[in-house]
Amino acid sequence: MLYVAAHPDDENTRLLGYLANEKKFRTGYLSLTRGDGGQNLIGKEQGEPLGLIRTQELLAARRTDGAEQFFHKS
């Protein structure tokens, strides 16, 4: 199952975890952006540095929920 969304924080981690761990489906999340164009309310990072932080957050979330992480190449 491939879950596709525009931004790094648009995924449904509970659904991804359910499909990957309970249903045993090969499950992935495709984020169309890395979040470098978003807002940052807790730090000063913007642009590419923010995208790097969000990328690491996505990879950590996939280690937790068991799904694979994919990124759109632009």
N, C-alpha and C. Protein backbone atom coordinates (compact mmCIF):
# COMPACT_ATOMS: atom_id res chain seq x y z
N MET A 1 0.84 -1.14 0.00
CA MET A 1 0.00 0.00 0.00
C MET A 1 0.90 1.22 0.00
N LEU A 2 0.63 2.17 -0.89
CA LEU A 2 1.41 3.41 -0.93
C LEU A 2 0.50 4.57 -0.54
N TYR A 3 0.88 5.25 0.50
CA TYR A 3 0.17 6.43 1.00
C TYR A 3 0.90 7.64 0.43
N VAL A 4 0.19 8.51 -0.28
CA VAL A 4 0.80 9.67 -0.93
C VAL A 4 0.20 10.93 -0.34
N ALA A 5 1.08 11.89 0.03
CA ALA A 5 0.62 13.18 0.53
C ALA A 5 1.64 14.26 0.14
N ALA A 6 1.23 15.49 0.24
CA ALA A 6 2.06 16.60 -0.23
C ALA A 6 3.18 16.97 0.73
N HIS A 7 2.95 16.87 2.02
CA HIS A 7 3.89 17.41 3.00
C HIS A 7 4.32 16.35 4.02
N PRO A 8 5.48 16.54 4.64
CA PRO A 8 5.97 15.57 5.60
C PRO A 8 5.04 15.31 6.79
N ASP A 9 4.24 16.24 7.18
CA ASP A 9 3.38 16.03 8.35
C ASP A 9 1.96 15.63 7.98
N ASP A 10 1.75 15.21 6.73
CA ASP A 10 0.41 14.84 6.28
C ASP A 10 0.10 13.35 6.42
N GLU A 11 1.07 12.55 6.84
CA GLU A 11 0.83 11.12 6.90
C GLU A 11 0.00 10.75 8.12
N ASN A 12 -0.64 9.61 8.01
CA ASN A 12 -1.40 9.04 9.11
C ASN A 12 -0.57 7.88 9.66
N THR A 13 0.24 8.17 10.67
CA THR A 13 1.16 7.18 11.21
C THR A 13 0.42 5.97 11.78
N ARG A 14 -0.72 6.20 12.37
CA ARG A 14 -1.50 5.08 12.93
C ARG A 14 -1.93 4.12 11.81
N LEU A 15 -2.40 4.66 10.69
CA LEU A 15 -2.80 3.81 9.56
C LEU A 15 -1.60 3.08 8.98
N LEU A 16 -0.48 3.79 8.80
CA LEU A 16 0.71 3.15 8.26
C LEU A 16 1.18 2.01 9.16
N GLY A 17 1.19 2.24 10.45
CA GLY A 17 1.58 1.20 11.40
C GLY A 17 0.64 0.01 11.37
N TYR A 18 -0.65 0.27 11.29
CA TYR A 18 -1.64 -0.81 11.22
C TYR A 18 -1.43 -1.66 9.99
N LEU A 19 -1.27 -1.01 8.84
CA LEU A 19 -1.11 -1.76 7.60
C LEU A 19 0.20 -2.55 7.57
N ALA A 20 1.28 -1.93 8.08
CA ALA A 20 2.59 -2.58 8.06
C ALA A 20 2.70 -3.69 9.10
N ASN A 21 2.18 -3.46 10.29
CA ASN A 21 2.41 -4.39 11.40
C ASN A 21 1.26 -5.37 11.65
N GLU A 22 0.04 -4.91 11.54
CA GLU A 22 -1.11 -5.78 11.80
C GLU A 22 -1.52 -6.57 10.54
N LYS A 23 -1.63 -5.87 9.42
CA LYS A 23 -2.06 -6.51 8.19
C LYS A 23 -0.89 -7.14 7.42
N LYS A 24 0.35 -6.77 7.80
CA LYS A 24 1.57 -7.31 7.18
C LYS A 24 1.68 -6.96 5.70
N PHE A 25 1.11 -5.79 5.31
CA PHE A 25 1.25 -5.31 3.95
C PHE A 25 2.58 -4.58 3.81
N ARG A 26 3.18 -4.67 2.64
CA ARG A 26 4.32 -3.79 2.37
C ARG A 26 3.73 -2.40 2.22
N THR A 27 4.16 -1.50 3.08
CA THR A 27 3.53 -0.19 3.22
C THR A 27 4.56 0.90 3.08
N GLY A 28 4.21 1.95 2.34
CA GLY A 28 5.13 3.08 2.19
C GLY A 28 4.40 4.40 2.21
N TYR A 29 5.16 5.44 2.50
CA TYR A 29 4.65 6.81 2.48
C TYR A 29 5.48 7.62 1.51
N LEU A 30 4.83 8.19 0.51
CA LEU A 30 5.48 9.06 -0.47
C LEU A 30 5.14 10.50 -0.13
N SER A 31 6.15 11.24 0.30
CA SER A 31 5.99 12.66 0.57
C SER A 31 6.43 13.43 -0.67
N LEU A 32 5.56 14.25 -1.21
CA LEU A 32 5.88 14.97 -2.45
C LEU A 32 6.84 16.13 -2.21
N THR A 33 7.00 16.56 -0.96
CA THR A 33 7.99 17.58 -0.61
C THR A 33 8.74 17.10 0.63
N ARG A 34 9.81 17.78 0.95
CA ARG A 34 10.58 17.46 2.17
C ARG A 34 10.29 18.46 3.28
N GLY A 35 9.35 19.36 3.07
CA GLY A 35 8.97 20.30 4.11
C GLY A 35 9.82 21.55 4.19
N ASP A 36 10.67 21.77 3.19
CA ASP A 36 11.55 22.93 3.24
C ASP A 36 10.85 24.25 2.93
N GLY A 37 9.62 24.19 2.51
CA GLY A 37 8.87 25.41 2.24
C GLY A 37 7.88 25.74 3.34
N GLY A 38 7.92 24.98 4.42
CA GLY A 38 6.94 25.15 5.48
C GLY A 38 7.35 26.13 6.56
N GLN A 39 6.52 26.20 7.56
CA GLN A 39 6.76 27.08 8.70
C GLN A 39 7.49 26.30 9.79
N ASN A 40 8.21 27.04 10.62
CA ASN A 40 8.92 26.44 11.74
C ASN A 40 8.62 27.27 12.97
N LEU A 41 7.77 26.75 13.83
CA LEU A 41 7.35 27.49 15.02
C LEU A 41 8.25 27.25 16.23
N ILE A 42 9.17 26.29 16.13
CA ILE A 42 9.99 25.97 17.31
C ILE A 42 11.48 26.25 17.11
N GLY A 43 11.88 26.71 15.95
CA GLY A 43 13.30 26.98 15.69
C GLY A 43 13.46 28.04 14.62
N LYS A 44 14.70 28.35 14.31
CA LYS A 44 14.97 29.40 13.32
C LYS A 44 15.24 28.84 11.92
N GLU A 45 15.29 27.51 11.78
CA GLU A 45 15.60 26.90 10.50
C GLU A 45 14.49 27.18 9.49
N GLN A 46 14.90 27.51 8.29
CA GLN A 46 13.98 27.73 7.17
C GLN A 46 14.62 27.14 5.92
N GLY A 47 13.83 26.91 4.89
CA GLY A 47 14.36 26.43 3.63
C GLY A 47 15.01 25.06 3.75
N GLU A 48 16.17 24.90 3.13
CA GLU A 48 16.84 23.60 3.10
C GLU A 48 17.15 23.03 4.49
N PRO A 49 17.64 23.84 5.46
CA PRO A 49 17.88 23.27 6.79
C PRO A 49 16.59 22.71 7.43
N LEU A 50 15.47 23.36 7.20
CA LEU A 50 14.20 22.85 7.72
C LEU A 50 13.83 21.55 7.02
N GLY A 51 14.06 21.48 5.72
CA GLY A 51 13.80 20.25 4.98
C GLY A 51 14.63 19.09 5.48
N LEU A 52 15.87 19.34 5.87
CA LEU A 52 16.72 18.28 6.41
C LEU A 52 16.18 17.77 7.75
N ILE A 53 15.71 18.69 8.59
CA ILE A 53 15.11 18.28 9.87
C ILE A 53 13.87 17.43 9.63
N ARG A 54 13.01 17.90 8.75
CA ARG A 54 11.76 17.17 8.48
C ARG A 54 12.03 15.81 7.84
N THR A 55 13.06 15.73 7.01
CA THR A 55 13.43 14.45 6.42
C THR A 55 13.83 13.46 7.50
N GLN A 56 14.63 13.90 8.45
CA GLN A 56 15.04 13.02 9.55
C GLN A 56 13.85 12.62 10.41
N GLU A 57 12.91 13.53 10.60
CA GLU A 57 11.70 13.21 11.36
C GLU A 57 10.89 12.12 10.65
N LEU A 58 10.77 12.23 9.32
CA LEU A 58 10.04 11.22 8.56
C LEU A 58 10.72 9.86 8.66
N LEU A 59 12.03 9.83 8.54
CA LEU A 59 12.75 8.56 8.62
C LEU A 59 12.59 7.93 10.01
N ALA A 60 12.61 8.76 11.05
CA ALA A 60 12.39 8.25 12.40
C ALA A 60 10.97 7.71 12.57
N ALA A 61 10.00 8.38 12.00
CA ALA A 61 8.61 7.92 12.09
C ALA A 61 8.44 6.58 11.40
N ARG A 62 9.11 6.38 10.27
CA ARG A 62 9.00 5.10 9.58
C ARG A 62 9.67 3.98 10.37
N ARG A 63 10.72 4.29 11.09
CA ARG A 63 11.32 3.26 11.95
C ARG A 63 10.34 2.86 13.05
N THR A 64 9.50 3.79 13.46
CA THR A 64 8.51 3.52 14.51
C THR A 64 7.31 2.75 13.98
N ASP A 65 6.77 3.19 12.82
CA ASP A 65 5.53 2.57 12.33
C ASP A 65 5.76 1.39 11.40
N GLY A 66 7.00 1.17 10.95
CA GLY A 66 7.30 0.00 10.13
C GLY A 66 7.09 0.16 8.64
N ALA A 67 6.66 1.33 8.20
CA ALA A 67 6.47 1.56 6.77
C ALA A 67 7.79 2.03 6.14
N GLU A 68 7.83 2.06 4.83
CA GLU A 68 8.98 2.58 4.10
C GLU A 68 8.73 4.05 3.76
N GLN A 69 9.80 4.82 3.64
CA GLN A 69 9.67 6.23 3.30
C GLN A 69 10.21 6.47 1.90
N PHE A 70 9.41 7.18 1.10
CA PHE A 70 9.81 7.55 -0.25
C PHE A 70 9.66 9.05 -0.41
N PHE A 71 10.52 9.63 -1.26
CA PHE A 71 10.46 11.06 -1.54
C PHE A 71 10.34 11.29 -3.03
N HIS A 72 9.61 12.30 -3.40
CA HIS A 72 9.48 12.72 -4.80
C HIS A 72 10.75 13.45 -5.19
N LYS A 73 11.31 13.10 -6.31
CA LYS A 73 12.50 13.81 -6.80
C LYS A 73 12.04 14.90 -7.75
N SER A 74 12.50 16.12 -7.48
CA SER A 74 12.10 17.22 -8.36
C SER A 74 13.26 17.67 -9.20
